[in-house]
Amino acid sequence: SGDGTFYADSVKGRFTISRDNAKNVVYLQMNRLTPEDTAVYY
């Protein structure tokens, strides 16, 4: 439903997950990125 979210400690406060079920899309907004965030995201 989008009402519940969870974040790993490493990204808490910087990343935001959201979804738009009508558009069939989920987002991950990533702010204040650091080199430690470099990765392939799935």
Full PDB file with SEQRES, HELIX, SHEET, SSBOND, CRYST1, ORIGX, SCALE, CONECT and MASTER records, all heavy atoms in Angstrom:
SEQRES   1 A   42  SER GLY ASP GLY THR PHE TYR ALA ASP SER VAL LYS GLY          
SEQRES   2 A   42  ARG PHE THR ILE SER ARG ASP ASN ALA LYS ASN VAL VAL          
SEQRES   3 A   42  TYR LEU GLN MET ASN ARG LEU THR PRO GLU ASP THR ALA          
SEQRES   4 A   42  VAL TYR TYR                                                  
HELIX    1 AA1 PRO A   35  ASP A   37  5                                   3    
SHEET    1 AA1 2 PHE A  15  ASP A  20  0                                        
SHEET    2 AA1 2 VAL A  25  MET A  30 -1                                        
CRYST1    1.000    1.000    1.000  90.00  90.00  90.00 P 1           1          
ORIGX1      1.000000  0.000000  0.000000        0.00000                         
ORIGX2      0.000000  1.000000  0.000000        0.00000                         
ORIGX3      0.000000  0.000000  1.000000        0.00000                         
SCALE1      1.000000  0.000000  0.000000        0.00000                         
SCALE2      0.000000  1.000000  0.000000        0.00000                         
SCALE3      0.000000  0.000000  1.000000        0.00000                         
ATOM      1  N   SER A   1       0.808  -1.216   0.000  1.00  0.00           N  
ATOM      2  CA  SER A   1       0.000   0.000   0.000  1.00  0.00           C  
ATOM      3  C   SER A   1       0.842   1.268   0.000  1.00  0.00           C  
ATOM      4  O   SER A   1       0.328   2.346  -0.307  1.00  0.00           O  
ATOM      5  CB  SER A   1      -0.932   0.018   1.204  1.00  0.00           C  
ATOM      6  OG  SER A   1      -0.200   0.140   2.407  1.00  0.00           O  
ATOM      7  N   GLY A   2       2.114   1.151   0.363  1.00  0.00           N  
ATOM      8  CA  GLY A   2       2.970   2.307   0.494  1.00  0.00           C  
ATOM      9  C   GLY A   2       2.983   2.917   1.876  1.00  0.00           C  
ATOM     10  O   GLY A   2       3.727   3.875   2.116  1.00  0.00           O  
ATOM     11  N   ASP A   3       2.195   2.383   2.790  1.00  0.00           N  
ATOM     12  CA  ASP A   3       2.103   2.942   4.138  1.00  0.00           C  
ATOM     13  C   ASP A   3       3.298   2.603   5.020  1.00  0.00           C  
ATOM     14  O   ASP A   3       3.591   3.330   5.971  1.00  0.00           O  
ATOM     15  CB  ASP A   3       0.829   2.449   4.825  1.00  0.00           C  
ATOM     16  CG  ASP A   3      -0.423   3.006   4.190  1.00  0.00           C  
ATOM     17  OD1 ASP A   3      -0.351   4.071   3.545  1.00  0.00           O  
ATOM     18  OD2 ASP A   3      -1.495   2.377   4.342  1.00  0.00           O  
ATOM     19  N   GLY A   4       3.982   1.505   4.733  1.00  0.00           N  
ATOM     20  CA  GLY A   4       5.113   1.083   5.526  1.00  0.00           C  
ATOM     21  C   GLY A   4       6.404   1.120   4.733  1.00  0.00           C  
ATOM     22  O   GLY A   4       6.446   0.690   3.576  1.00  0.00           O  
ATOM     23  N   THR A   5       7.467   1.644   5.346  1.00  0.00           N  
ATOM     24  CA  THR A   5       8.779   1.704   4.699  1.00  0.00           C  
ATOM     25  C   THR A   5       9.856   1.297   5.686  1.00  0.00           C  
ATOM     26  O   THR A   5       9.703   1.453   6.898  1.00  0.00           O  
ATOM     27  CB  THR A   5       9.091   3.106   4.155  1.00  0.00           C  
ATOM     28  OG1 THR A   5       9.041   4.058   5.230  1.00  0.00           O  
ATOM     29  CG2 THR A   5       8.087   3.510   3.087  1.00  0.00           C  
ATOM     30  N   PHE A   6      10.955   0.793   5.156  1.00  0.00           N  
ATOM     31  CA  PHE A   6      12.107   0.411   5.952  1.00  0.00           C  
ATOM     32  C   PHE A   6      13.370   0.869   5.239  1.00  0.00           C  
ATOM     33  O   PHE A   6      13.449   0.813   4.005  1.00  0.00           O  
ATOM     34  CB  PHE A   6      12.153  -1.109   6.161  1.00  0.00           C  
ATOM     35  CG  PHE A   6      13.433  -1.574   6.805  1.00  0.00           C  
ATOM     36  CD1 PHE A   6      13.587  -1.543   8.176  1.00  0.00           C  
ATOM     37  CD2 PHE A   6      14.490  -2.028   6.029  1.00  0.00           C  
ATOM     38  CE1 PHE A   6      14.766  -1.947   8.769  1.00  0.00           C  
ATOM     39  CE2 PHE A   6      15.674  -2.440   6.607  1.00  0.00           C  
ATOM     40  CZ  PHE A   6      15.811  -2.400   7.989  1.00  0.00           C  
ATOM     41  N   TYR A   7      14.364   1.303   6.024  1.00  0.00           N  
ATOM     42  CA  TYR A   7      15.637   1.729   5.472  1.00  0.00           C  
ATOM     43  C   TYR A   7      16.788   1.123   6.266  1.00  0.00           C  
ATOM     44  O   TYR A   7      16.736   1.062   7.501  1.00  0.00           O  
ATOM     45  CB  TYR A   7      15.773   3.248   5.506  1.00  0.00           C  
ATOM     46  CG  TYR A   7      14.692   3.968   4.742  1.00  0.00           C  
ATOM     47  CD1 TYR A   7      13.547   4.420   5.385  1.00  0.00           C  
ATOM     48  CD2 TYR A   7      14.819   4.184   3.372  1.00  0.00           C  
ATOM     49  CE1 TYR A   7      12.550   5.070   4.682  1.00  0.00           C  
ATOM     50  CE2 TYR A   7      13.827   4.834   2.663  1.00  0.00           C  
ATOM     51  CZ  TYR A   7      12.697   5.273   3.321  1.00  0.00           C  
ATOM     52  OH  TYR A   7      11.709   5.923   2.618  1.00  0.00           O  
ATOM     53  N   ALA A   8      17.805   0.688   5.549  1.00  0.00           N  
ATOM     54  CA  ALA A   8      19.030   0.273   6.214  1.00  0.00           C  
ATOM     55  C   ALA A   8      19.680   1.474   6.897  1.00  0.00           C  
ATOM     56  O   ALA A   8      19.527   2.619   6.451  1.00  0.00           O  
ATOM     57  CB  ALA A   8      20.000  -0.340   5.204  1.00  0.00           C  
ATOM     58  N   ASP A   9      20.405   1.214   7.981  1.00  0.00           N  
ATOM     59  CA  ASP A   9      21.040   2.300   8.716  1.00  0.00           C  
ATOM     60  C   ASP A   9      21.975   3.125   7.835  1.00  0.00           C  
ATOM     61  O   ASP A   9      22.120   4.335   8.034  1.00  0.00           O  
ATOM     62  CB  ASP A   9      21.818   1.748   9.908  1.00  0.00           C  
ATOM     63  CG  ASP A   9      20.918   1.252  11.017  1.00  0.00           C  
ATOM     64  OD1 ASP A   9      19.733   1.631  11.048  1.00  0.00           O  
ATOM     65  OD2 ASP A   9      21.407   0.488  11.873  1.00  0.00           O  
ATOM     66  N   SER A  10      22.588   2.486   6.859  1.00  0.00           N  
ATOM     67  CA  SER A  10      23.554   3.170   6.019  1.00  0.00           C  
ATOM     68  C   SER A  10      22.936   4.244   5.129  1.00  0.00           C  
ATOM     69  O   SER A  10      23.645   5.136   4.660  1.00  0.00           O  
ATOM     70  CB  SER A  10      24.312   2.157   5.156  1.00  0.00           C  
ATOM     71  OG  SER A  10      23.419   1.409   4.357  1.00  0.00           O  
ATOM     72  N   VAL A  11      21.628   4.161   4.892  1.00  0.00           N  
ATOM     73  CA  VAL A  11      20.970   5.122   4.008  1.00  0.00           C  
ATOM     74  C   VAL A  11      19.865   5.901   4.698  1.00  0.00           C  
ATOM     75  O   VAL A  11      19.304   6.829   4.091  1.00  0.00           O  
ATOM     76  CB  VAL A  11      20.401   4.429   2.753  1.00  0.00           C  
ATOM     77  CG1 VAL A  11      21.477   3.620   2.047  1.00  0.00           C  
ATOM     78  CG2 VAL A  11      19.213   3.547   3.108  1.00  0.00           C  
ATOM     79  N   LYS A  12      19.552   5.574   5.927  1.00  0.00           N  
ATOM     80  CA  LYS A  12      18.460   6.227   6.642  1.00  0.00           C  
ATOM     81  C   LYS A  12      18.699   7.730   6.738  1.00  0.00           C  
ATOM     82  O   LYS A  12      19.783   8.178   7.097  1.00  0.00           O  
ATOM     83  CB  LYS A  12      18.313   5.613   8.030  1.00  0.00           C  
ATOM     84  CG  LYS A  12      17.054   6.026   8.778  1.00  0.00           C  
ATOM     85  CD  LYS A  12      16.946   5.274  10.105  1.00  0.00           C  
ATOM     86  CE  LYS A  12      16.891   3.774   9.887  1.00  0.00           C  
ATOM     87  NZ  LYS A  12      16.754   3.034  11.170  1.00  0.00           N  
ATOM     88  N   GLY A  13      17.673   8.490   6.409  1.00  0.00           N  
ATOM     89  CA  GLY A  13      17.768   9.939   6.425  1.00  0.00           C  
ATOM     90  C   GLY A  13      18.230  10.539   5.123  1.00  0.00           C  
ATOM     91  O   GLY A  13      18.115  11.760   4.934  1.00  0.00           O  
ATOM     92  N   ARG A  14      18.757   9.717   4.217  1.00  0.00           N  
ATOM     93  CA  ARG A  14      19.233  10.202   2.928  1.00  0.00           C  
ATOM     94  C   ARG A  14      18.411   9.674   1.763  1.00  0.00           C  
ATOM     95  O   ARG A  14      18.255  10.358   0.752  1.00  0.00           O  
ATOM     96  CB  ARG A  14      20.697   9.816   2.711  1.00  0.00           C  
ATOM     97  CG  ARG A  14      21.648  10.395   3.752  1.00  0.00           C  
ATOM     98  CD  ARG A  14      23.101  10.125   3.379  1.00  0.00           C  
ATOM     99  NE  ARG A  14      23.401   8.691   3.336  1.00  0.00           N  
ATOM    100  CZ  ARG A  14      23.806   8.041   2.238  1.00  0.00           C  
ATOM    101  NH1 ARG A  14      23.962   8.691   1.093  1.00  0.00           N  
ATOM    102  NH2 ARG A  14      24.063   6.743   2.297  1.00  0.00           N  
ATOM    103  N   PHE A  15      17.897   8.450   1.879  1.00  0.00           N  
ATOM    104  CA  PHE A  15      17.135   7.819   0.812  1.00  0.00           C  
ATOM    105  C   PHE A  15      15.657   7.795   1.180  1.00  0.00           C  
ATOM    106  O   PHE A  15      15.299   7.659   2.355  1.00  0.00           O  
ATOM    107  CB  PHE A  15      17.598   6.375   0.579  1.00  0.00           C  
ATOM    108  CG  PHE A  15      18.957   6.237  -0.053  1.00  0.00           C  
ATOM    109  CD1 PHE A  15      19.834   7.309  -0.162  1.00  0.00           C  
ATOM    110  CD2 PHE A  15      19.361   5.005  -0.544  1.00  0.00           C  
ATOM    111  CE1 PHE A  15      21.081   7.168  -0.740  1.00  0.00           C  
ATOM    112  CE2 PHE A  15      20.605   4.847  -1.123  1.00  0.00           C  
ATOM    113  CZ  PHE A  15      21.467   5.926  -1.222  1.00  0.00           C  
ATOM    114  N   THR A  16      14.796   7.876   0.169  1.00  0.00           N  
ATOM    115  CA  THR A  16      13.362   7.792   0.364  1.00  0.00           C  
ATOM    116  C   THR A  16      12.759   6.881  -0.692  1.00  0.00           C  
ATOM    117  O   THR A  16      12.958   7.100  -1.892  1.00  0.00           O  
ATOM    118  CB  THR A  16      12.691   9.172   0.281  1.00  0.00           C  
ATOM    119  OG1 THR A  16      13.266  10.053   1.250  1.00  0.00           O  
ATOM    120  CG2 THR A  16      11.192   9.050   0.547  1.00  0.00           C  
ATOM    121  N   ILE A  17      12.035   5.866  -0.248  1.00  0.00           N  
ATOM    122  CA  ILE A  17      11.346   4.967  -1.163  1.00  0.00           C  
ATOM    123  C   ILE A  17       9.879   5.377  -1.250  1.00  0.00           C  
ATOM    124  O   ILE A  17       9.276   5.793  -0.260  1.00  0.00           O  
ATOM    125  CB  ILE A  17      11.493   3.495  -0.711  1.00  0.00           C  
ATOM    126  CG1 ILE A  17      10.980   2.534  -1.780  1.00  0.00           C  
ATOM    127  CG2 ILE A  17      10.788   3.252   0.622  1.00  0.00           C  
ATOM    128  CD1 ILE A  17      11.305   1.063  -1.480  1.00  0.00           C  
ATOM    129  N   SER A  18       9.311   5.272  -2.434  1.00  0.00           N  
ATOM    130  CA  SER A  18       7.907   5.605  -2.627  1.00  0.00           C  
ATOM    131  C   SER A  18       7.362   4.782  -3.780  1.00  0.00           C  
ATOM    132  O   SER A  18       8.123   4.184  -4.543  1.00  0.00           O  
ATOM    133  CB  SER A  18       7.714   7.110  -2.887  1.00  0.00           C  
ATOM    134  OG  SER A  18       8.380   7.506  -4.070  1.00  0.00           O  
ATOM    135  N   ARG A  19       6.047   4.759  -3.909  1.00  0.00           N  
ATOM    136  CA  ARG A  19       5.452   4.004  -5.004  1.00  0.00           C  
ATOM    137  C   ARG A  19       4.206   4.699  -5.510  1.00  0.00           C  
ATOM    138  O   ARG A  19       3.498   5.385  -4.765  1.00  0.00           O  
ATOM    139  CB  ARG A  19       5.146   2.562  -4.579  1.00  0.00           C  
ATOM    140  CG  ARG A  19       4.065   2.413  -3.517  1.00  0.00           C  
ATOM    141  CD  ARG A  19       4.043   0.981  -2.969  1.00  0.00           C  
ATOM    142  NE  ARG A  19       3.804  -0.007  -4.013  1.00  0.00           N  
ATOM    143  CZ  ARG A  19       4.068  -1.304  -3.896  1.00  0.00           C  
ATOM    144  NH1 ARG A  19       4.604  -1.779  -2.770  1.00  0.00           N  
ATOM    145  NH2 ARG A  19       3.810  -2.133  -4.907  1.00  0.00           N  
ATOM    146  N   ASP A  20       3.939   4.495  -6.785  1.00  0.00           N  
ATOM    147  CA  ASP A  20       2.738   4.975  -7.431  1.00  0.00           C  
ATOM    148  C   ASP A  20       2.110   3.759  -8.101  1.00  0.00           C  
ATOM    149  O   ASP A  20       2.461   3.410  -9.227  1.00  0.00           O  
ATOM    150  CB  ASP A  20       3.053   6.073  -8.442  1.00  0.00           C  
ATOM    151  CG  ASP A  20       1.807   6.726  -9.011  1.00  0.00           C  
ATOM    152  OD1 ASP A  20       0.721   6.120  -8.951  1.00  0.00           O  
ATOM    153  OD2 ASP A  20       1.921   7.854  -9.530  1.00  0.00           O  
ATOM    154  N   ASN A  21       1.208   3.108  -7.384  1.00  0.00           N  
ATOM    155  CA  ASN A  21       0.624   1.877  -7.901  1.00  0.00           C  
ATOM    156  C   ASN A  21      -0.185   2.104  -9.175  1.00  0.00           C  
ATOM    157  O   ASN A  21      -0.262   1.223 -10.028  1.00  0.00           O  
ATOM    158  CB  ASN A  21      -0.249   1.222  -6.829  1.00  0.00           C  
ATOM    159  CG  ASN A  21       0.563   0.559  -5.737  1.00  0.00           C  
ATOM    160  OD1 ASN A  21       1.751   0.280  -5.907  1.00  0.00           O  
ATOM    161  ND2 ASN A  21      -0.067   0.305  -4.601  1.00  0.00           N  
ATOM    162  N   ALA A  22      -0.783   3.279  -9.310  1.00  0.00           N  
ATOM    163  CA  ALA A  22      -1.547   3.577 -10.515  1.00  0.00           C  
ATOM    164  C   ALA A  22      -0.662   3.587 -11.746  1.00  0.00           C  
ATOM    165  O   ALA A  22      -1.105   3.242 -12.847  1.00  0.00           O  
ATOM    166  CB  ALA A  22      -2.275   4.907 -10.364  1.00  0.00           C  
ATOM    167  N   LYS A  23       0.600   3.995 -11.584  1.00  0.00           N  
ATOM    168  CA  LYS A  23       1.551   4.019 -12.684  1.00  0.00           C  
ATOM    169  C   LYS A  23       2.433   2.778 -12.732  1.00  0.00           C  
ATOM    170  O   LYS A  23       3.266   2.650 -13.632  1.00  0.00           O  
ATOM    171  CB  LYS A  23       2.430   5.263 -12.597  1.00  0.00           C  
ATOM    172  CG  LYS A  23       1.672   6.569 -12.755  1.00  0.00           C  
ATOM    173  CD  LYS A  23       2.614   7.761 -12.680  1.00  0.00           C  
ATOM    174  CE  LYS A  23       1.856   9.060 -12.873  1.00  0.00           C  
ATOM    175  NZ  LYS A  23       2.758  10.238 -12.799  1.00  0.00           N  
ATOM    176  N   ASN A  24       2.280   1.894 -11.746  1.00  0.00           N  
ATOM    177  CA  ASN A  24       3.047   0.654 -11.699  1.00  0.00           C  
ATOM    178  C   ASN A  24       4.551   0.923 -11.591  1.00  0.00           C  
ATOM    179  O   ASN A  24       5.369   0.251 -12.218  1.00  0.00           O  
ATOM    180  CB  ASN A  24       2.756  -0.216 -12.926  1.00  0.00           C  
ATOM    181  CG  ASN A  24       2.498  -1.668 -12.570  1.00  0.00           C  
ATOM    182  OD1 ASN A  24       2.125  -2.002 -11.445  1.00  0.00           O  
ATOM    183  ND2 ASN A  24       2.694  -2.552 -13.545  1.00  0.00           N  
ATOM    184  N   VAL A  25       4.909   1.897 -10.760  1.00  0.00           N  
ATOM    185  CA  VAL A  25       6.292   2.328 -10.622  1.00  0.00           C  
ATOM    186  C   VAL A  25       6.630   2.518  -9.146  1.00  0.00           C  
ATOM    187  O   VAL A  25       5.806   3.001  -8.363  1.00  0.00           O  
ATOM    188  CB  VAL A  25       6.556   3.638 -11.384  1.00  0.00           C  
ATOM    189  CG1 VAL A  25       7.978   4.126 -11.160  1.00  0.00           C  
ATOM    190  CG2 VAL A  25       6.308   3.452 -12.873  1.00  0.00           C  
ATOM    191  N   VAL A  26       7.852   2.146  -8.779  1.00  0.00           N  
ATOM    192  CA  VAL A  26       8.412   2.404  -7.460  1.00  0.00           C  
ATOM    193  C   VAL A  26       9.675   3.233  -7.636  1.00  0.00           C  
ATOM    194  O   VAL A  26      10.444   3.017  -8.580  1.00  0.00           O  
ATOM    195  CB  VAL A  26       8.720   1.094  -6.711  1.00  0.00           C  
ATOM    196  CG1 VAL A  26       9.447   1.376  -5.400  1.00  0.00           C  
ATOM    197  CG2 VAL A  26       7.428   0.337  -6.432  1.00  0.00           C  
ATOM    198  N   TYR A  27       9.897   4.179  -6.723  1.00  0.00           N  
ATOM    199  CA  TYR A  27      11.024   5.090  -6.816  1.00  0.00           C  
ATOM    200  C   TYR A  27      11.951   4.944  -5.620  1.00  0.00           C  
ATOM    201  O   TYR A  27      11.543   4.547  -4.530  1.00  0.00           O  
ATOM    202  CB  TYR A  27      10.549   6.541  -6.877  1.00  0.00           C  
ATOM    203  CG  TYR A  27       9.592   6.837  -8.000  1.00  0.00           C  
ATOM    204  CD1 TYR A  27       8.220   6.861  -7.778  1.00  0.00           C  
ATOM    205  CD2 TYR A  27      10.058   7.099  -9.284  1.00  0.00           C  
ATOM    206  CE1 TYR A  27       7.335   7.133  -8.801  1.00  0.00           C  
ATOM    207  CE2 TYR A  27       9.182   7.374 -10.314  1.00  0.00           C  
ATOM    208  CZ  TYR A  27       7.822   7.388 -10.074  1.00  0.00           C  
ATOM    209  OH  TYR A  27       6.949   7.661 -11.097  1.00  0.00           O  
ATOM    210  N   LEU A  28      13.207   5.301  -5.832  1.00  0.00           N  
ATOM    211  CA  LEU A  28      14.161   5.456  -4.747  1.00  0.00           C  
ATOM    212  C   LEU A  28      14.876   6.790  -4.948  1.00  0.00           C  
ATOM    213  O   LEU A  28      15.716   6.920  -5.843  1.00  0.00           O  
ATOM    214  CB  LEU A  28      15.172   4.310  -4.704  1.00  0.00           C  
ATOM    215  CG  LEU A  28      16.144   4.347  -3.524  1.00  0.00           C  
ATOM    216  CD1 LEU A  28      15.400   4.089  -2.215  1.00  0.00           C  
ATOM    217  CD2 LEU A  28      17.266   3.334  -3.707  1.00  0.00           C  
ATOM    218  N   GLN A  29      14.510   7.771  -4.135  1.00  0.00           N  
ATOM    219  CA  GLN A  29      15.174   9.062  -4.155  1.00  0.00           C  
ATOM    220  C   GLN A  29      16.409   8.985  -3.276  1.00  0.00           C  
ATOM    221  O   GLN A  29      16.313   8.655  -2.091  1.00  0.00           O  
ATOM    222  CB  GLN A  29      14.233  10.160  -3.656  1.00  0.00           C  
ATOM    223  CG  GLN A  29      14.856  11.549  -3.592  1.00  0.00           C  
ATOM    224  CD  GLN A  29      15.168  12.114  -4.953  1.00  0.00           C  
ATOM    225  OE1 GLN A  29      14.353  12.024  -5.861  1.00  0.00           O  
ATOM    226  NE2 GLN A  29      16.354  12.694  -5.104  1.00  0.00           N  
ATOM    227  N   MET A  30      17.566   9.303  -3.827  1.00  0.00           N  
ATOM    228  CA  MET A  30      18.835   9.198  -3.127  1.00  0.00           C  
ATOM    229  C   MET A  30      19.461  10.587  -3.049  1.00  0.00           C  
ATOM    230  O   MET A  30      19.790  11.186  -4.075  1.00  0.00           O  
ATOM    231  CB  MET A  30      19.772   8.230  -3.836  1.00  0.00           C  
ATOM    232  CG  MET A  30      19.165   6.851  -4.073  1.00  0.00           C  
ATOM    233  SD  MET A  30      20.341   5.667  -4.772  1.00  0.00           S  
ATOM    234  CE  MET A  30      20.682   6.453  -6.352  1.00  0.00           C  
ATOM    235  N   ASN A  31      19.631  11.081  -1.830  1.00  0.00           N  
ATOM    236  CA  ASN A  31      20.198  12.401  -1.590  1.00  0.00           C  
ATOM    237  C   ASN A  31      21.500  12.293  -0.816  1.00  0.00           C  
ATOM    238  O   ASN A  31      21.762  11.292  -0.143  1.00  0.00           O  
ATOM    239  CB  ASN A  31      19.215  13.277  -0.816  1.00  0.00           C  
ATOM    240  CG  ASN A  31      17.924  13.532  -1.560  1.00  0.00           C  
ATOM    241  OD1 ASN A  31      17.910  13.638  -2.783  1.00  0.00           O  
ATOM    242  ND2 ASN A  31      16.827  13.661  -0.819  1.00  0.00           N  
ATOM    243  N   ARG A  32      22.302  13.341  -0.894  1.00  0.00           N  
ATOM    244  CA  ARG A  32      23.581  13.422  -0.182  1.00  0.00           C  
ATOM    245  C   ARG A  32      24.408  12.159  -0.392  1.00  0.00           C  
ATOM    246  O   ARG A  32      24.887  11.539   0.554  1.00  0.00           O  
ATOM    247  CB  ARG A  32      23.347  13.698   1.305  1.00  0.00           C  
ATOM    248  CG  ARG A  32      22.597  15.014   1.566  1.00  0.00           C  
ATOM    249  CD  ARG A  32      22.560  15.398   3.034  1.00  0.00           C  
ATOM    250  NE  ARG A  32      21.932  14.391   3.874  1.00  0.00           N  
ATOM    251  CZ  ARG A  32      20.635  14.227   4.015  1.00  0.00           C  
ATOM    252  NH1 ARG A  32      19.791  15.011   3.364  1.00  0.00           N  
ATOM    253  NH2 ARG A  32      20.167  13.286   4.821  1.00  0.00           N  
ATOM    254  N   LEU A  33      24.577  11.820  -1.647  1.00  0.00           N  
ATOM    255  CA  LEU A  33      25.283  10.599  -2.004  1.00  0.00           C  
ATOM    256  C   LEU A  33      26.769  10.702  -1.676  1.00  0.00           C  
ATOM    257  O   LEU A  33      27.368  11.780  -1.758  1.00  0.00           O  
ATOM    258  CB  LEU A  33      25.097  10.302  -3.485  1.00  0.00           C  
ATOM    259  CG  LEU A  33      23.698   9.813  -3.868  1.00  0.00           C  
ATOM    260  CD1 LEU A  33      23.469   9.961  -5.362  1.00  0.00           C  
ATOM    261  CD2 LEU A  33      23.516   8.357  -3.437  1.00  0.00           C  
ATOM    262  N   THR A  34      27.350   9.568  -1.304  1.00  0.00           N  
ATOM    263  CA  THR A  34      28.770   9.458  -1.006  1.00  0.00           C  
ATOM    264  C   THR A  34      29.369   8.364  -1.872  1.00  0.00           C  
ATOM    265  O   THR A  34      28.650   7.531  -2.438  1.00  0.00           O  
ATOM    266  CB  THR A  34      29.015   9.126   0.470  1.00  0.00           C  
ATOM    267  OG1 THR A  34      28.745   7.741   0.713  1.00  0.00           O  
ATOM    268  CG2 THR A  34      28.132   9.979   1.372  1.00  0.00           C  
ATOM    269  N   PRO A  35      30.707   8.320  -1.997  1.00  0.00           N  
ATOM    270  CA  PRO A  35      31.323   7.237  -2.765  1.00  0.00           C  
ATOM    271  C   PRO A  35      30.961   5.843  -2.267  1.00  0.00           C  
ATOM    272  O   PRO A  35      30.979   4.892  -3.051  1.00  0.00           O  
ATOM    273  CB  PRO A  35      32.824   7.518  -2.613  1.00  0.00           C  
ATOM    274  CG  PRO A  35      32.901   8.993  -2.438  1.00  0.00           C  
ATOM    275  CD  PRO A  35      31.693   9.352  -1.620  1.00  0.00           C  
ATOM    276  N   GLU A  36      30.625   5.704  -0.984  1.00  0.00           N  
ATOM    277  CA  GLU A  36      30.226   4.410  -0.442  1.00  0.00           C  
ATOM    278  C   GLU A  36      28.894   3.924  -0.993  1.00  0.00           C  
ATOM    279  O   GLU A  36      28.552   2.753  -0.832  1.00  0.00           O  
ATOM    280  CB  GLU A  36      30.162   4.466   1.088  1.00  0.00           C  
ATOM    281  CG  GLU A  36      31.491   4.820   1.764  1.00  0.00           C  
ATOM    282  CD  GLU A  36      32.588   3.845   1.415  1.00  0.00           C  
ATOM    283  OE1 GLU A  36      32.329   2.616   1.482  1.00  0.00           O  
ATOM    284  OE2 GLU A  36      33.702   4.287   1.082  1.00  0.00           O  
ATOM    285  N   ASP A  37      28.142   4.803  -1.636  1.00  0.00           N  
ATOM    286  CA  ASP A  37      26.878   4.414  -2.258  1.00  0.00           C  
ATOM    287  C   ASP A  37      27.065   3.842  -3.657  1.00  0.00           C  
ATOM    288  O   ASP A  37      26.089   3.396  -4.267  1.00  0.00           O  
ATOM    289  CB  ASP A  37      25.927   5.618  -2.329  1.00  0.00           C  
ATOM    290  CG  ASP A  37      25.527   6.127  -0.958  1.00  0.00           C  
ATOM    291  OD1 ASP A  37      25.198   5.293  -0.089  1.00  0.00           O  
ATOM    292  OD2 ASP A  37      25.546   7.362  -0.763  1.00  0.00           O  
ATOM    293  N   THR A  38      28.277   3.865  -4.177  1.00  0.00           N  
ATOM    294  CA  THR A  38      28.542   3.335  -5.509  1.00  0.00           C  
ATOM    295  C   THR A  38      28.250   1.838  -5.549  1.00  0.00           C  
ATOM    296  O   THR A  38      28.794   1.065  -4.757  1.00  0.00           O  
ATOM    297  CB  THR A  38      29.995   3.594  -5.909  1.00  0.00           C  
ATOM    298  OG1 THR A  38      30.221   5.005  -6.018  1.00  0.00           O  
ATOM    299  CG2 THR A  38      30.313   2.947  -7.255  1.00  0.00           C  
ATOM    300  N   ALA A  39      27.384   1.428  -6.471  1.00  0.00           N  
ATOM    301  CA  ALA A  39      26.978   0.033  -6.569  1.00  0.00           C  
ATOM    302  C   ALA A  39      26.024  -0.113  -7.742  1.00  0.00           C  
ATOM    303  O   ALA A  39      25.561   0.878  -8.318  1.00  0.00           O  
ATOM    304  CB  ALA A  39      26.286  -0.431  -5.281  1.00  0.00           C  
ATOM    305  N   VAL A  40      25.724  -1.358  -8.084  1.00  0.00           N  
ATOM    306  CA  VAL A  40      24.601  -1.653  -8.960  1.00  0.00           C  
ATOM    307  C   VAL A  40      23.369  -1.791  -8.084  1.00  0.00           C  
ATOM    308  O   VAL A  40      23.375  -2.549  -7.111  1.00  0.00           O  
ATOM    309  CB  VAL A  40      24.831  -2.939  -9.778  1.00  0.00           C  
ATOM    310  CG1 VAL A  40      23.601  -3.254 -10.627  1.00  0.00           C  
ATOM    311  CG2 VAL A  40      26.058  -2.790 -10.664  1.00  0.00           C  
ATOM    312  N   TYR A  41      22.329  -1.058  -8.420  1.00  0.00           N  
ATOM    313  CA  TYR A  41      21.098  -1.057  -7.634  1.00  0.00           C  
ATOM    314  C   TYR A  41      20.027  -1.879  -8.339  1.00  0.00           C  
ATOM    315  O   TYR A  41      19.789  -1.720  -9.537  1.00  0.00           O  
ATOM    316  CB  TYR A  41      20.603   0.371  -7.420  1.00  0.00           C  
ATOM    317  CG  TYR A  41      21.385   1.116  -6.366  1.00  0.00           C  
ATOM    318  CD1 TYR A  41      22.682   1.535  -6.616  1.00  0.00           C  
ATOM    319  CD2 TYR A  41      20.829   1.392  -5.118  1.00  0.00           C  
ATOM    320  CE1 TYR A  41      23.418   2.202  -5.649  1.00  0.00           C  
ATOM    321  CE2 TYR A  41      21.548   2.060  -4.150  1.00  0.00           C  
ATOM    322  CZ  TYR A  41      22.842   2.470  -4.418  1.00  0.00           C  
ATOM    323  OH  TYR A  41      23.561   3.137  -3.450  1.00  0.00           O  
ATOM    324  N   TYR A  42      19.374  -2.746  -7.578  1.00  0.00           N  
ATOM    325  CA  TYR A  42      18.342  -3.634  -8.091  1.00  0.00           C  
ATOM    326  C   TYR A  42      17.030  -3.391  -7.355  1.00  0.00           C  
ATOM    327  O   TYR A  42      17.027  -3.164  -6.148  1.00  0.00           O  
ATOM    328  CB  TYR A  42      18.723  -5.105  -7.882  1.00  0.00           C  
ATOM    329  CG  TYR A  42      20.024  -5.530  -8.519  1.00  0.00           C  
ATOM    330  CD1 TYR A  42      21.229  -5.396  -7.844  1.00  0.00           C  
ATOM    331  CD2 TYR A  42      20.043  -6.085  -9.789  1.00  0.00           C  
ATOM    332  CE1 TYR A  42      22.424  -5.797  -8.418  1.00  0.00           C  
ATOM    333  CE2 TYR A  42      21.229  -6.492 -10.370  1.00  0.00           C  
ATOM    334  CZ  TYR A  42      22.416  -6.345  -9.680  1.00  0.00           C  
ATOM    335  OH  TYR A  42      23.597  -6.745 -10.252  1.00  0.00           O  
TER     336      TYR A  42                                                      
MASTER        0    0    0    1    2    0    0    6  335    1    0    4          
END                                                                             
